[in-house]
């Protein structure tokens, strides 16, 4: 499991990205790179990392389900993801 501080940091980044989204787009359209540099670093969407909603793991993220590959496999084997079955042939 990820540290709570890492989850909180990502949540804070998500809020900053939403707050400055329009301003960033406007400055990019104008080509005003000096003003764009003055915005907070964490307001850039590139710095946001998608994490598993259960464990907070940043790697092996399955976007359609919003969980990591490890939790995806566990839940699928337990039959807790509707419509998903383990292949056997």
C-alpha atoms as a PDB file:
ATOM      1  CA  UNK A   1       0.000   0.000   0.000  1.00  0.00           C
ATOM      2  CA  UNK A   2       1.150   3.496  -0.769  1.00  0.00           C
ATOM      3  CA  UNK A   3       1.823   5.958   1.985  1.00  0.00           C
ATOM      4  CA  UNK A   4      -1.073   8.244   2.829  1.00  0.00           C
ATOM      5  CA  UNK A   5       1.168  11.242   2.149  1.00  0.00           C
ATOM      6  CA  UNK A   6       1.680  10.090  -1.449  1.00  0.00           C
ATOM      7  CA  UNK A   7      -2.061   9.686  -1.971  1.00  0.00           C
ATOM      8  CA  UNK A   8      -2.665  13.129  -0.462  1.00  0.00           C
ATOM      9  CA  UNK A   9       0.016  14.678  -2.667  1.00  0.00           C
ATOM     10  CA  UNK A  10      -1.625  13.260  -5.788  1.00  0.00           C
ATOM     11  CA  UNK A  11      -5.036  14.511  -4.653  1.00  0.00           C
ATOM     12  CA  UNK A  12      -3.557  17.981  -4.154  1.00  0.00           C
ATOM     13  CA  UNK A  13      -2.062  17.875  -7.645  1.00  0.00           C
ATOM     14  CA  UNK A  14      -5.438  16.918  -9.120  1.00  0.00           C
ATOM     15  CA  UNK A  15      -7.048  19.973  -7.483  1.00  0.00           C
ATOM     16  CA  UNK A  16      -4.312  22.298  -8.774  1.00  0.00           C
ATOM     17  CA  UNK A  17      -4.621  20.886 -12.280  1.00  0.00           C
ATOM     18  CA  UNK A  18      -8.364  21.534 -12.289  1.00  0.00           C
ATOM     19  CA  UNK A  19      -7.908  25.034 -10.848  1.00  0.00           C
ATOM     20  CA  UNK A  20      -5.334  26.212 -13.420  1.00  0.00           C
ATOM     21  CA  UNK A  21      -6.553  24.254 -16.469  1.00  0.00           C
ATOM     22  CA  UNK A  22      -8.230  27.168 -18.280  1.00  0.00           C
ATOM     23  CA  UNK A  23      -5.453  29.603 -17.449  1.00  0.00           C
ATOM     24  CA  UNK A  24      -2.794  27.191 -18.733  1.00  0.00           C
ATOM     25  CA  UNK A  25      -4.691  26.653 -21.994  1.00  0.00           C
ATOM     26  CA  UNK A  26      -5.102  30.404 -22.493  1.00  0.00           C
ATOM     27  CA  UNK A  27      -1.404  31.114 -21.862  1.00  0.00           C
ATOM     28  CA  UNK A  28      -0.353  28.332 -24.234  1.00  0.00           C
ATOM     29  CA  UNK A  29      -2.632  29.727 -26.960  1.00  0.00           C
ATOM     30  CA  UNK A  30      -1.068  33.168 -26.552  1.00  0.00           C
ATOM     31  CA  UNK A  31       2.438  31.717 -26.418  1.00  0.00           C
ATOM     32  CA  UNK A  32       3.122  33.535 -23.149  1.00  0.00           C
ATOM     33  CA  UNK A  33       5.746  31.109 -21.793  1.00  0.00           C
ATOM     34  CA  UNK A  34       7.063  33.485 -19.099  1.00  0.00           C
ATOM     35  CA  UNK A  35       3.664  33.680 -17.377  1.00  0.00           C
ATOM     36  CA  UNK A  36       3.198  29.934 -17.817  1.00  0.00           C
ATOM     37  CA  UNK A  37       6.492  29.368 -15.975  1.00  0.00           C
ATOM     38  CA  UNK A  38       5.200  31.391 -13.028  1.00  0.00           C
ATOM     39  CA  UNK A  39       2.310  28.983 -12.398  1.00  0.00           C
ATOM     40  CA  UNK A  40       2.818  26.239  -9.783  1.00  0.00           C
ATOM     41  CA  UNK A  41       4.725  23.207 -11.059  1.00  0.00           C
ATOM     42  CA  UNK A  42       2.083  20.840  -9.744  1.00  0.00           C
ATOM     43  CA  UNK A  43      -0.581  22.508 -11.877  1.00  0.00           C
ATOM     44  CA  UNK A  44       0.881  20.739 -14.921  1.00  0.00           C
ATOM     45  CA  UNK A  45      -1.109  17.626 -15.889  1.00  0.00           C
ATOM     46  CA  UNK A  46       2.130  15.782 -16.665  1.00  0.00           C
ATOM     47  CA  UNK A  47       2.988  15.623 -12.956  1.00  0.00           C
ATOM     48  CA  UNK A  48      -0.228  13.776 -12.021  1.00  0.00           C
ATOM     49  CA  UNK A  49       0.053  10.019 -11.533  1.00  0.00           C
ATOM     50  CA  UNK A  50      -2.965   7.724 -11.701  1.00  0.00           C
ATOM     51  CA  UNK A  51      -3.131   5.366  -8.730  1.00  0.00           C
ATOM     52  CA  UNK A  52      -5.071   2.281  -7.682  1.00  0.00           C
ATOM     53  CA  UNK A  53      -8.202   3.307  -5.774  1.00  0.00           C
ATOM     54  CA  UNK A  54      -7.749   0.451  -3.283  1.00  0.00           C
ATOM     55  CA  UNK A  55      -4.015   0.320  -2.562  1.00  0.00           C
ATOM     56  CA  UNK A  56      -2.656   3.538  -4.041  1.00  0.00           C
ATOM     57  CA  UNK A  57      -0.134   1.648  -6.178  1.00  0.00           C
ATOM     58  CA  UNK A  58       1.085   3.887  -9.036  1.00  0.00           C
ATOM     59  CA  UNK A  59       2.338   1.171 -11.385  1.00  0.00           C
ATOM     60  CA  UNK A  60       0.388  -1.462 -13.269  1.00  0.00           C
ATOM     61  CA  UNK A  61      -2.740   0.705 -13.312  1.00  0.00           C
ATOM     62  CA  UNK A  62      -5.703  -0.734 -15.245  1.00  0.00           C
ATOM     63  CA  UNK A  63      -7.523   2.409 -16.317  1.00  0.00           C
ATOM     64  CA  UNK A  64     -10.903   0.920 -17.209  1.00  0.00           C
ATOM     65  CA  UNK A  65     -11.342  -0.416 -13.667  1.00  0.00           C
ATOM     66  CA  UNK A  66      -9.251   2.161 -11.791  1.00  0.00           C
ATOM     67  CA  UNK A  67      -7.255  -0.445  -9.880  1.00  0.00           C
ATOM     68  CA  UNK A  68      -3.793  -1.997 -10.104  1.00  0.00           C
ATOM     69  CA  UNK A  69      -3.092  -5.224 -11.965  1.00  0.00           C
ATOM     70  CA  UNK A  70      -2.542  -7.095  -8.699  1.00  0.00           C
ATOM     71  CA  UNK A  71      -5.890  -6.101  -7.168  1.00  0.00           C
ATOM     72  CA  UNK A  72      -7.562  -6.653 -10.541  1.00  0.00           C
ATOM     73  CA  UNK A  73      -6.351 -10.243 -10.586  1.00  0.00           C
ATOM     74  CA  UNK A  74      -7.349 -10.867  -6.952  1.00  0.00           C
ATOM     75  CA  UNK A  75     -10.843  -9.465  -7.437  1.00  0.00           C
ATOM     76  CA  UNK A  76     -11.308 -11.296 -10.744  1.00  0.00           C
ATOM     77  CA  UNK A  77     -10.322 -14.633  -9.204  1.00  0.00           C
ATOM     78  CA  UNK A  78     -12.755 -14.068  -6.334  1.00  0.00           C
ATOM     79  CA  UNK A  79     -15.517 -13.267  -8.823  1.00  0.00           C
ATOM     80  CA  UNK A  80     -16.051  -9.749  -7.461  1.00  0.00           C
ATOM     81  CA  UNK A  81     -15.850  -8.013 -10.843  1.00  0.00           C
ATOM     82  CA  UNK A  82     -19.176  -8.524 -12.654  1.00  0.00           C
ATOM     83  CA  UNK A  83     -18.984 -10.094 -16.096  1.00  0.00           C
ATOM     84  CA  UNK A  84     -15.348 -11.136 -15.736  1.00  0.00           C
ATOM     85  CA  UNK A  85     -14.270 -14.764 -15.576  1.00  0.00           C
ATOM     86  CA  UNK A  86     -10.898 -16.431 -15.653  1.00  0.00           C
ATOM     87  CA  UNK A  87     -10.121 -17.987 -19.011  1.00  0.00           C
ATOM     88  CA  UNK A  88      -9.825 -21.762 -19.107  1.00  0.00           C
ATOM     89  CA  UNK A  89      -9.475 -23.869 -22.228  1.00  0.00           C
END
